[in-house]
Amino acid sequence: MKRLLLGSGNHAKLQELREILAGLPVDLVTLNALPVRPPEAPETGDTFLANATQKALHYAQHSGMAALADDSGLCVDALGGAPGVISARWSGPAATDASNNAKLLRSLDGVPEGKRTAAYHAVIVLALPGRVLLTAEGRCRGEILRNPQGNTGFGYDPLFFLPNLGKTFAEIPPAQKHGISHRGEALRRLLANLPEVLPLLEMS
């Protein structure tokens, strides 16, 4: 069976990728399952596409396999698009979901309803060593609450409110989230073009 390396060490993100990619005719491999775990990929780009490309090429090169990587984050309109590409580490080198969410609430203190709009963005890249095969993007718009709601999801999900559902990302079942999320949209777009490059994965 063809093998595909999932280029992420984020357990929550890996779970989402596994769930969305379930049924794909490939063996999904994690970094920890490799004989030697590759060093962490650089994330020095100033766009989601640049970082996702860096990660996919890095893990493909170190593993000799086809690698899939994503870069994603939250872009808040009232903050000029911040935290953007540094979403995961916005509150510092030892950032946690809790500290990032706390910083988001502080940053939006005083911003009125109707001005707390935001969007989650994701870019997915599939690469072989030295060669990008596919890229895809996804976006989901919502609003930032003043207090967290819900216990599922990760990142900024407890604050990311979907007006059409009346719930946050942290309040809906994973399957429902995958159907509307930025990462789900990006993966569906990538999967639509996957058949044309599947034969190349046999060479990885």
Protein backbone atom coordinates (compact mmCIF):
# COMPACT_ATOMS: atom_id res chain seq x y z
CA MET A 1 0.00 0.00 0.00
CA LYS A 2 1.13 3.55 -0.68
CA ARG A 3 2.40 5.43 2.37
CA LEU A 4 1.80 9.03 3.35
CA LEU A 5 3.60 10.77 6.19
CA LEU A 6 1.54 13.18 8.28
CA GLY A 7 3.98 15.99 8.99
CA SER A 8 2.72 17.21 12.35
CA GLY A 9 3.54 16.62 15.99
CA ASN A 10 0.30 18.19 17.21
CA HIS A 11 -1.80 15.29 18.54
CA ALA A 12 -5.11 17.10 18.16
CA LYS A 13 -4.30 18.08 14.59
CA LEU A 14 -3.17 14.52 13.81
CA GLN A 15 -6.49 13.21 15.08
CA GLU A 16 -8.35 15.59 12.77
CA LEU A 17 -6.19 14.59 9.80
CA ARG A 18 -6.73 10.88 10.47
CA GLU A 19 -10.50 11.34 10.74
CA ILE A 20 -10.81 13.42 7.58
CA LEU A 21 -8.48 11.17 5.57
CA ALA A 22 -10.14 7.94 6.74
CA GLY A 23 -10.86 5.67 3.79
CA LEU A 24 -8.02 7.00 1.67
CA PRO A 25 -6.17 4.11 -0.05
CA VAL A 26 -2.88 4.91 1.67
CA ASP A 27 -1.16 3.95 4.89
CA LEU A 28 -1.05 7.07 7.08
CA VAL A 29 2.25 7.27 8.96
CA THR A 30 3.07 9.60 11.85
CA LEU A 31 6.44 11.12 12.68
CA ASN A 32 6.72 8.99 15.80
CA ALA A 33 6.28 5.81 13.74
CA LEU A 34 9.42 6.47 11.70
CA PRO A 35 12.62 4.57 12.64
CA VAL A 36 14.24 7.94 13.36
CA ARG A 37 12.02 10.91 14.03
CA PRO A 38 13.05 13.86 11.82
CA PRO A 39 14.03 17.16 13.43
CA GLU A 40 11.26 19.72 13.74
CA ALA A 41 10.52 21.51 10.49
CA PRO A 42 11.30 25.22 10.20
CA GLU A 43 8.41 27.67 10.17
CA THR A 44 10.09 30.87 9.05
CA GLY A 45 7.64 31.92 6.34
CA ASP A 46 5.36 34.91 6.59
CA THR A 47 2.38 33.14 4.98
CA PHE A 48 0.51 29.91 5.69
CA LEU A 49 1.51 28.62 2.24
CA ALA A 50 5.21 29.28 2.85
CA ASN A 51 5.20 27.48 6.20
CA ALA A 52 3.15 24.51 4.98
CA THR A 53 5.49 24.13 2.01
CA GLN A 54 8.56 24.29 4.27
CA LYS A 55 7.16 21.58 6.51
CA ALA A 56 6.01 19.23 3.74
CA LEU A 57 9.33 19.42 1.86
CA HIS A 58 11.31 19.07 5.10
CA TYR A 59 9.53 15.92 6.25
CA ALA A 60 9.52 14.41 2.76
CA GLN A 61 13.27 14.97 2.46
CA HIS A 62 14.07 13.51 5.89
CA SER A 63 11.80 10.47 5.49
CA GLY A 64 12.12 9.73 1.77
CA MET A 65 8.30 9.49 1.69
CA ALA A 66 5.45 11.56 0.40
CA ALA A 67 4.57 13.98 3.19
CA LEU A 68 1.48 16.02 3.93
CA ALA A 69 1.74 19.10 6.11
CA ASP A 70 -0.49 22.01 6.95
CA ASP A 71 -0.12 25.46 8.37
CA SER A 72 -3.15 27.09 9.86
CA GLY A 73 -4.18 29.84 12.19
CA LEU A 74 -6.66 32.47 13.24
CA CYS A 75 -6.82 35.88 11.57
CA VAL A 76 -8.80 38.48 13.53
CA ASP A 77 -10.02 41.47 11.54
CA ALA A 78 -9.84 43.97 14.42
CA LEU A 79 -6.22 42.95 15.05
CA GLY A 80 -5.09 43.45 11.46
CA GLY A 81 -5.02 39.72 10.78
CA ALA A 82 -3.17 38.72 13.95
CA PRO A 83 -2.24 36.27 15.29
CA GLY A 84 -2.02 34.74 11.79
CA VAL A 85 0.96 32.51 11.12
CA ILE A 86 2.12 32.70 14.75
CA SER A 87 -1.27 31.58 16.13
CA ALA A 88 0.15 28.54 17.92
CA ARG A 89 2.94 30.49 19.63
CA TRP A 90 1.30 33.91 19.92
CA SER A 91 1.66 34.21 23.70
CA GLY A 92 5.34 33.26 23.76
CA PRO A 93 7.78 30.32 23.48
CA ALA A 94 5.89 28.34 26.14
CA ALA A 95 2.47 29.17 24.66
CA THR A 96 -0.50 26.95 25.44
CA ASP A 97 -4.05 27.02 24.13
CA ALA A 98 -5.11 28.64 27.40
CA SER A 99 -2.46 31.38 27.28
CA ASN A 100 -3.17 32.10 23.62
CA ASN A 101 -6.90 32.38 24.28
CA ALA A 102 -6.26 34.66 27.23
CA LYS A 103 -4.11 36.94 25.07
CA LEU A 104 -6.82 37.01 22.40
CA LEU A 105 -9.43 38.12 24.93
CA ARG A 106 -7.11 40.81 26.28
CA SER A 107 -6.34 42.04 22.79
CA LEU A 108 -10.04 42.37 21.97
CA ASP A 109 -11.02 43.98 25.26
CA GLY A 110 -13.32 46.87 24.40
CA VAL A 111 -13.95 45.74 20.82
CA PRO A 112 -17.76 45.77 20.41
CA GLU A 113 -20.04 43.10 19.01
CA GLY A 114 -20.06 43.17 15.24
CA LYS A 115 -16.38 44.09 15.15
CA ARG A 116 -15.05 40.81 16.55
CA THR A 117 -15.07 38.98 13.21
CA ALA A 118 -12.33 36.51 12.34
CA ALA A 119 -11.43 33.65 10.06
CA TYR A 120 -9.57 30.41 10.50
CA HIS A 121 -7.22 29.74 7.55
CA ALA A 122 -5.49 26.52 6.53
CA VAL A 123 -3.11 25.55 3.75
CA ILE A 124 -2.33 21.89 3.04
CA VAL A 125 0.72 20.85 1.01
CA LEU A 126 1.58 17.38 -0.32
CA ALA A 127 5.20 16.89 -1.31
CA LEU A 128 7.79 14.36 -2.37
CA PRO A 129 11.47 14.96 -1.58
CA GLY A 130 12.36 18.16 -3.41
CA ARG A 131 8.98 18.46 -5.15
CA VAL A 132 5.59 19.91 -4.24
CA LEU A 133 2.75 17.84 -5.68
CA LEU A 134 -0.40 19.60 -4.48
CA THR A 135 -1.50 22.60 -2.46
CA ALA A 136 -4.96 23.53 -1.22
CA GLU A 137 -6.47 26.24 0.96
CA GLY A 138 -9.52 26.49 3.19
CA ARG A 139 -11.17 29.22 5.24
CA CYS A 140 -13.97 29.43 7.80
CA ARG A 141 -15.37 32.74 9.05
CA GLY A 142 -16.82 33.37 12.48
CA GLU A 143 -16.75 35.70 15.47
CA ILE A 144 -14.72 35.83 18.68
CA LEU A 145 -16.70 35.48 21.90
CA ARG A 146 -15.94 37.26 25.18
CA ASN A 147 -15.87 33.96 27.10
CA PRO A 148 -14.94 30.42 26.01
CA GLN A 149 -17.67 27.87 25.35
CA GLY A 150 -17.33 24.12 24.83
CA ASN A 151 -14.85 21.39 25.70
CA THR A 152 -13.88 19.82 22.37
CA GLY A 153 -11.51 20.98 19.66
CA PHE A 154 -8.23 22.79 20.33
CA GLY A 155 -6.50 26.09 19.74
CA TYR A 156 -8.93 29.00 19.66
CA ASP A 157 -11.97 26.74 19.12
CA PRO A 158 -13.73 27.64 22.42
CA LEU A 159 -13.79 31.30 21.37
CA PHE A 160 -14.51 30.83 17.66
CA PHE A 161 -18.27 31.25 17.29
CA LEU A 162 -20.28 30.26 14.22
CA PRO A 163 -23.39 32.51 14.07
CA ASN A 164 -25.26 30.22 11.66
CA LEU A 165 -24.96 27.34 14.14
CA GLY A 166 -25.10 29.35 17.36
CA LYS A 167 -22.13 27.36 18.67
CA THR A 168 -18.36 27.47 18.85
CA PHE A 169 -16.03 24.99 17.19
CA ALA A 170 -15.57 23.52 20.68
CA GLU A 171 -19.28 22.76 21.00
CA ILE A 172 -19.90 20.70 17.87
CA PRO A 173 -19.05 17.03 17.17
CA PRO A 174 -15.81 16.40 15.28
CA ALA A 175 -17.60 15.06 12.19
CA GLN A 176 -19.67 18.23 11.95
CA LYS A 177 -16.61 20.39 12.45
CA HIS A 178 -14.73 18.60 9.67
CA GLY A 179 -17.59 19.38 7.29
CA ILE A 180 -17.29 23.14 7.75
CA SER A 181 -13.80 23.83 9.08
CA HIS A 182 -10.89 25.50 7.31
CA ARG A 183 -8.83 22.31 7.50
CA GLY A 184 -11.69 20.15 6.29
CA GLU A 185 -12.24 22.42 3.29
CA ALA A 186 -8.54 22.46 2.41
CA LEU A 187 -8.28 18.67 2.64
CA ARG A 188 -11.38 18.15 0.49
CA ARG A 189 -9.89 20.39 -2.17
CA LEU A 190 -6.61 18.51 -2.01
CA LEU A 191 -8.33 15.11 -2.13
CA ALA A 192 -10.25 16.15 -5.24
CA ASN A 193 -6.92 16.33 -7.09
CA LEU A 194 -5.23 13.42 -5.34
CA PRO A 195 -6.07 10.70 -7.93
CA GLU A 196 -3.82 12.38 -10.52
CA VAL A 197 -0.77 12.17 -8.24
CA LEU A 198 -1.46 8.88 -6.45
CA PRO A 199 0.78 6.93 -8.88
CA LEU A 200 3.68 9.14 -7.83
CA LEU A 201 3.27 8.10 -4.22
CA GLU A 202 4.26 4.56 -5.23
CA MET A 203 7.71 5.93 -6.05
CA SER A 204 8.15 7.50 -2.62
